[in-house]
Amino acid sequence: MEHIKMIESVDLLEKILQKNNAIIMKNSNRCSISRSVRVKYEVIAEKYGKNNDFYMIDVVNNKNISNALEEKTNIRHESPQIIIIHEGKVIWHASHWEIKTDEIEKYITK
C-alpha cells in the first residue's frame, strides 16, 4: 500500500477535497466486496501512484470521516465506494460491483 495514504482526520479530508486530483476509497474490513475492490484499488494505485494521489478511509474505525465525506460531497455513504476528485469537485463515483478498473482509469492521470 505504498501509494495509498490513510485519511485519519476530518482536517486532512478537507485538504484532500481541495486537491487537483485525488482518488478516495471507502473501505470496510468487515465486507467481502470491500476486500475484492481493495485488491483492484491497490493494483491501480501501484500502477498510477506516481501521477495521482490515492487515499483510503477505514469506515469501521473512522466513521466520522466517512460521514464528513458524505456531507461535503452529497454522495450517500456506501462501502466499498470510490470517489474521484478533480479541481475540488467530484467527477466520478461508484460503489460495490459498479467499481470497475477501466472506469477508474478513464478519470486518472496516466
N, C-alpha and C. Protein backbone atom coordinates (compact mmCIF):
# COMPACT_ATOMS: atom_id res chain seq x y z
N MET A 1 0.82 -1.20 0.00
CA MET A 1 0.00 0.00 0.00
C MET A 1 0.87 1.26 0.00
N GLU A 2 1.97 1.17 -0.65
CA GLU A 2 2.93 2.28 -0.68
C GLU A 2 2.32 3.57 -1.24
N HIS A 3 1.45 3.46 -2.23
CA HIS A 3 0.90 4.65 -2.89
C HIS A 3 -0.45 5.08 -2.34
N ILE A 4 -0.94 4.42 -1.29
CA ILE A 4 -2.23 4.76 -0.70
C ILE A 4 -2.02 5.33 0.69
N LYS A 5 -2.56 6.53 0.90
CA LYS A 5 -2.46 7.17 2.22
C LYS A 5 -3.79 7.05 2.94
N MET A 6 -3.73 6.75 4.22
CA MET A 6 -4.94 6.66 5.03
C MET A 6 -5.40 8.06 5.45
N ILE A 7 -6.70 8.29 5.37
CA ILE A 7 -7.28 9.55 5.85
C ILE A 7 -7.75 9.29 7.28
N GLU A 8 -7.09 9.95 8.22
CA GLU A 8 -7.38 9.67 9.62
C GLU A 8 -7.86 10.89 10.40
N SER A 9 -8.20 11.97 9.66
CA SER A 9 -8.78 13.15 10.32
C SER A 9 -9.66 13.90 9.34
N VAL A 10 -10.65 14.59 9.87
CA VAL A 10 -11.53 15.41 9.03
C VAL A 10 -10.74 16.57 8.44
N ASP A 11 -9.77 17.11 9.18
CA ASP A 11 -8.93 18.20 8.66
C ASP A 11 -8.18 17.75 7.40
N LEU A 12 -7.61 16.56 7.44
CA LEU A 12 -6.91 16.04 6.27
C LEU A 12 -7.90 15.83 5.12
N LEU A 13 -9.07 15.29 5.40
CA LEU A 13 -10.09 15.09 4.36
C LEU A 13 -10.41 16.42 3.68
N GLU A 14 -10.59 17.48 4.45
CA GLU A 14 -10.92 18.78 3.87
C GLU A 14 -9.81 19.28 2.94
N LYS A 15 -8.57 19.05 3.30
CA LYS A 15 -7.45 19.44 2.43
C LYS A 15 -7.45 18.61 1.14
N ILE A 16 -7.73 17.33 1.27
CA ILE A 16 -7.74 16.44 0.11
C ILE A 16 -8.85 16.84 -0.86
N LEU A 17 -9.99 17.22 -0.33
CA LEU A 17 -11.12 17.60 -1.18
C LEU A 17 -10.85 18.85 -2.00
N GLN A 18 -9.82 19.61 -1.66
CA GLN A 18 -9.44 20.80 -2.42
C GLN A 18 -8.34 20.52 -3.45
N LYS A 19 -7.86 19.30 -3.47
CA LYS A 19 -6.74 18.95 -4.36
C LYS A 19 -7.17 18.95 -5.82
N ASN A 20 -6.19 19.04 -6.66
CA ASN A 20 -6.43 18.97 -8.10
C ASN A 20 -6.85 17.57 -8.53
N ASN A 21 -6.28 16.57 -7.90
CA ASN A 21 -6.53 15.20 -8.35
C ASN A 21 -6.40 14.26 -7.16
N ALA A 22 -7.51 13.65 -6.74
CA ALA A 22 -7.46 12.72 -5.62
C ALA A 22 -8.46 11.59 -5.85
N ILE A 23 -8.06 10.39 -5.48
CA ILE A 23 -8.92 9.22 -5.58
C ILE A 23 -9.07 8.68 -4.16
N ILE A 24 -10.32 8.56 -3.71
CA ILE A 24 -10.60 8.14 -2.33
C ILE A 24 -11.40 6.85 -2.37
N MET A 25 -10.97 5.87 -1.58
CA MET A 25 -11.73 4.63 -1.41
C MET A 25 -12.23 4.55 0.02
N LYS A 26 -13.52 4.27 0.16
CA LYS A 26 -14.09 3.96 1.47
C LYS A 26 -14.09 2.44 1.58
N ASN A 27 -13.46 1.94 2.62
CA ASN A 27 -13.23 0.51 2.77
C ASN A 27 -13.72 0.01 4.13
N SER A 28 -14.32 -1.17 4.13
CA SER A 28 -14.70 -1.84 5.36
C SER A 28 -14.04 -3.21 5.40
N ASN A 29 -13.25 -3.46 6.43
CA ASN A 29 -12.61 -4.77 6.56
C ASN A 29 -13.60 -5.88 6.89
N ARG A 30 -14.84 -5.51 7.18
CA ARG A 30 -15.88 -6.48 7.51
C ARG A 30 -16.66 -6.96 6.28
N CYS A 31 -16.33 -6.43 5.12
CA CYS A 31 -17.13 -6.67 3.91
C CYS A 31 -16.30 -7.40 2.85
N SER A 32 -16.81 -8.50 2.36
CA SER A 32 -16.07 -9.27 1.34
C SER A 32 -15.98 -8.51 0.02
N ILE A 33 -16.99 -7.73 -0.32
CA ILE A 33 -16.93 -6.94 -1.54
C ILE A 33 -15.83 -5.88 -1.41
N SER A 34 -15.74 -5.26 -0.24
CA SER A 34 -14.67 -4.27 0.00
C SER A 34 -13.30 -4.90 -0.18
N ARG A 35 -13.13 -6.10 0.31
CA ARG A 35 -11.83 -6.77 0.17
C ARG A 35 -11.49 -6.96 -1.31
N SER A 36 -12.46 -7.36 -2.09
CA SER A 36 -12.24 -7.57 -3.52
C SER A 36 -11.90 -6.26 -4.23
N VAL A 37 -12.64 -5.20 -3.93
CA VAL A 37 -12.39 -3.90 -4.55
C VAL A 37 -11.05 -3.34 -4.09
N ARG A 38 -10.70 -3.58 -2.84
CA ARG A 38 -9.43 -3.07 -2.32
C ARG A 38 -8.25 -3.64 -3.09
N VAL A 39 -8.33 -4.90 -3.45
CA VAL A 39 -7.25 -5.52 -4.24
C VAL A 39 -7.10 -4.79 -5.57
N LYS A 40 -8.21 -4.52 -6.26
CA LYS A 40 -8.18 -3.77 -7.53
C LYS A 40 -7.59 -2.37 -7.31
N TYR A 41 -8.03 -1.74 -6.23
CA TYR A 41 -7.59 -0.38 -5.92
C TYR A 41 -6.09 -0.34 -5.67
N GLU A 42 -5.58 -1.32 -4.97
CA GLU A 42 -4.14 -1.38 -4.70
C GLU A 42 -3.34 -1.56 -5.99
N VAL A 43 -3.86 -2.35 -6.93
CA VAL A 43 -3.18 -2.55 -8.21
C VAL A 43 -3.16 -1.24 -9.00
N ILE A 44 -4.30 -0.54 -9.04
CA ILE A 44 -4.36 0.74 -9.74
C ILE A 44 -3.43 1.77 -9.09
N ALA A 45 -3.42 1.81 -7.77
CA ALA A 45 -2.56 2.76 -7.05
C ALA A 45 -1.09 2.47 -7.33
N GLU A 46 -0.74 1.22 -7.40
CA GLU A 46 0.65 0.86 -7.71
C GLU A 46 1.01 1.29 -9.13
N LYS A 47 0.08 1.12 -10.05
CA LYS A 47 0.32 1.44 -11.46
C LYS A 47 0.37 2.94 -11.72
N TYR A 48 -0.52 3.71 -11.06
CA TYR A 48 -0.66 5.13 -11.36
C TYR A 48 -0.30 6.05 -10.18
N GLY A 49 0.28 5.50 -9.14
CA GLY A 49 0.54 6.26 -7.92
C GLY A 49 1.53 7.40 -8.04
N LYS A 50 2.35 7.39 -9.06
CA LYS A 50 3.32 8.48 -9.22
C LYS A 50 2.66 9.75 -9.72
N ASN A 51 1.53 9.63 -10.41
CA ASN A 51 0.87 10.80 -11.01
C ASN A 51 -0.46 11.15 -10.35
N ASN A 52 -0.87 10.38 -9.36
CA ASN A 52 -2.16 10.57 -8.71
C ASN A 52 -2.02 10.38 -7.21
N ASP A 53 -2.94 10.98 -6.48
CA ASP A 53 -2.96 10.81 -5.02
C ASP A 53 -4.09 9.87 -4.64
N PHE A 54 -3.73 8.72 -4.09
CA PHE A 54 -4.70 7.70 -3.69
C PHE A 54 -4.84 7.71 -2.17
N TYR A 55 -6.10 7.65 -1.72
CA TYR A 55 -6.40 7.70 -0.29
C TYR A 55 -7.41 6.61 0.06
N MET A 56 -7.44 6.28 1.34
CA MET A 56 -8.40 5.31 1.83
C MET A 56 -8.95 5.76 3.17
N ILE A 57 -10.25 5.51 3.36
CA ILE A 57 -10.91 5.74 4.64
C ILE A 57 -11.36 4.39 5.17
N ASP A 58 -10.92 4.05 6.36
CA ASP A 58 -11.40 2.85 7.06
C ASP A 58 -12.72 3.24 7.71
N VAL A 59 -13.84 2.81 7.10
CA VAL A 59 -15.15 3.28 7.56
C VAL A 59 -15.55 2.68 8.91
N VAL A 60 -14.95 1.59 9.28
CA VAL A 60 -15.27 0.98 10.58
C VAL A 60 -14.64 1.80 11.71
N ASN A 61 -13.38 2.15 11.55
CA ASN A 61 -12.66 2.86 12.60
C ASN A 61 -12.74 4.38 12.49
N ASN A 62 -13.18 4.88 11.34
CA ASN A 62 -13.25 6.33 11.13
C ASN A 62 -14.59 6.74 10.54
N LYS A 63 -15.64 6.33 11.19
CA LYS A 63 -16.99 6.63 10.72
C LYS A 63 -17.22 8.14 10.60
N ASN A 64 -16.64 8.91 11.52
CA ASN A 64 -16.82 10.36 11.46
C ASN A 64 -16.23 10.95 10.17
N ILE A 65 -15.13 10.41 9.69
CA ILE A 65 -14.53 10.89 8.45
C ILE A 65 -15.39 10.47 7.26
N SER A 66 -15.88 9.25 7.30
CA SER A 66 -16.78 8.79 6.24
C SER A 66 -18.04 9.66 6.19
N ASN A 67 -18.59 9.97 7.34
CA ASN A 67 -19.78 10.84 7.40
C ASN A 67 -19.47 12.24 6.88
N ALA A 68 -18.29 12.75 7.21
CA ALA A 68 -17.88 14.08 6.73
C ALA A 68 -17.76 14.09 5.21
N LEU A 69 -17.23 13.01 4.63
CA LEU A 69 -17.12 12.93 3.18
C LEU A 69 -18.50 12.93 2.54
N GLU A 70 -19.42 12.19 3.13
CA GLU A 70 -20.79 12.17 2.62
C GLU A 70 -21.40 13.58 2.67
N GLU A 71 -21.21 14.24 3.78
CA GLU A 71 -21.77 15.59 3.96
C GLU A 71 -21.17 16.59 2.97
N LYS A 72 -19.86 16.52 2.77
CA LYS A 72 -19.18 17.51 1.93
C LYS A 72 -19.37 17.27 0.43
N THR A 73 -19.67 16.03 0.05
CA THR A 73 -19.83 15.72 -1.38
C THR A 73 -21.28 15.48 -1.78
N ASN A 74 -22.16 15.33 -0.79
CA ASN A 74 -23.56 14.98 -1.05
C ASN A 74 -23.71 13.64 -1.78
N ILE A 75 -22.76 12.74 -1.52
CA ILE A 75 -22.82 11.40 -2.08
C ILE A 75 -23.10 10.44 -0.93
N ARG A 76 -24.22 9.74 -1.02
CA ARG A 76 -24.64 8.82 0.04
C ARG A 76 -23.54 7.80 0.34
N HIS A 77 -23.32 7.56 1.63
CA HIS A 77 -22.29 6.61 2.06
C HIS A 77 -22.62 5.20 1.60
N GLU A 78 -21.62 4.56 1.04
CA GLU A 78 -21.66 3.14 0.76
C GLU A 78 -20.24 2.63 0.94
N SER A 79 -20.12 1.35 1.10
CA SER A 79 -18.79 0.76 1.22
C SER A 79 -18.85 -0.67 0.66
N PRO A 80 -17.95 -0.92 -0.29
CA PRO A 80 -16.88 -0.07 -0.78
C PRO A 80 -17.43 1.04 -1.69
N GLN A 81 -16.66 2.08 -1.77
CA GLN A 81 -17.03 3.22 -2.61
C GLN A 81 -15.76 3.94 -3.04
N ILE A 82 -15.74 4.39 -4.29
CA ILE A 82 -14.62 5.17 -4.78
C ILE A 82 -15.15 6.50 -5.28
N ILE A 83 -14.47 7.57 -4.87
CA ILE A 83 -14.83 8.93 -5.26
C ILE A 83 -13.58 9.58 -5.83
N ILE A 84 -13.72 10.13 -7.04
CA ILE A 84 -12.59 10.79 -7.69
C ILE A 84 -12.84 12.30 -7.71
N ILE A 85 -11.86 13.04 -7.21
CA ILE A 85 -11.92 14.49 -7.10
C ILE A 85 -10.98 15.10 -8.14
N HIS A 86 -11.45 16.12 -8.84
CA HIS A 86 -10.60 16.86 -9.78
C HIS A 86 -10.92 18.34 -9.61
N GLU A 87 -9.89 19.13 -9.36
CA GLU A 87 -10.04 20.57 -9.14
C GLU A 87 -11.11 20.88 -8.09
N GLY A 88 -11.11 20.08 -7.01
CA GLY A 88 -12.01 20.32 -5.89
C GLY A 88 -13.44 19.84 -6.09
N LYS A 89 -13.71 19.15 -7.19
CA LYS A 89 -15.08 18.68 -7.47
C LYS A 89 -15.09 17.18 -7.72
N VAL A 90 -16.17 16.53 -7.33
CA VAL A 90 -16.33 15.10 -7.62
C VAL A 90 -16.61 14.97 -9.12
N ILE A 91 -15.79 14.16 -9.79
CA ILE A 91 -16.02 13.93 -11.22
C ILE A 91 -16.52 12.52 -11.51
N TRP A 92 -16.39 11.61 -10.52
CA TRP A 92 -16.87 10.24 -10.72
C TRP A 92 -16.96 9.57 -9.37
N HIS A 93 -17.94 8.71 -9.22
CA HIS A 93 -18.02 7.86 -8.03
C HIS A 93 -18.80 6.62 -8.36
N ALA A 94 -18.52 5.57 -7.63
CA ALA A 94 -19.22 4.30 -7.79
C ALA A 94 -19.08 3.50 -6.50
N SER A 95 -19.95 2.50 -6.37
CA SER A 95 -19.87 1.65 -5.19
C SER A 95 -20.11 0.19 -5.59
N HIS A 96 -19.72 -0.66 -4.68
CA HIS A 96 -19.90 -2.11 -4.81
C HIS A 96 -19.42 -2.61 -6.17
N TRP A 97 -20.25 -3.42 -6.84
CA TRP A 97 -19.83 -4.05 -8.09
C TRP A 97 -19.80 -3.08 -9.27
N GLU A 98 -20.25 -1.84 -9.07
CA GLU A 98 -20.15 -0.83 -10.13
C GLU A 98 -18.71 -0.32 -10.28
N ILE A 99 -17.88 -0.61 -9.31
CA ILE A 99 -16.48 -0.16 -9.34
C ILE A 99 -15.70 -1.06 -10.29
N LYS A 100 -15.26 -0.46 -11.39
CA LYS A 100 -14.54 -1.22 -12.40
C LYS A 100 -13.22 -0.50 -12.71
N THR A 101 -12.18 -1.28 -12.85
CA THR A 101 -10.84 -0.74 -13.10
C THR A 101 -10.82 0.17 -14.32
N ASP A 102 -11.43 -0.25 -15.42
CA ASP A 102 -11.38 0.56 -16.64
C ASP A 102 -12.11 1.88 -16.47
N GLU A 103 -13.15 1.92 -15.64
CA GLU A 103 -13.85 3.19 -15.38
C GLU A 103 -12.96 4.13 -14.57
N ILE A 104 -12.29 3.61 -13.57
CA ILE A 104 -11.39 4.45 -12.76
C ILE A 104 -10.28 5.01 -13.65
N GLU A 105 -9.74 4.16 -14.50
CA GLU A 105 -8.62 4.58 -15.36
C GLU A 105 -9.01 5.71 -16.32
N LYS A 106 -10.26 5.85 -16.66
CA LYS A 106 -10.71 6.94 -17.52
C LYS A 106 -10.51 8.31 -16.89
N TYR A 107 -10.52 8.34 -15.56
CA TYR A 107 -10.54 9.63 -14.84
C TYR A 107 -9.24 9.98 -14.12
N ILE A 108 -8.22 9.15 -14.26
CA ILE A 108 -6.98 9.45 -13.55
C ILE A 108 -5.87 9.84 -14.53
N THR A 109 -4.85 10.50 -14.00
CA THR A 109 -3.72 10.92 -14.81
C THR A 109 -2.81 9.73 -15.05
N LYS A 110 -2.50 9.52 -16.30
CA LYS A 110 -1.67 8.36 -16.66
C LYS A 110 -0.22 8.75 -16.86
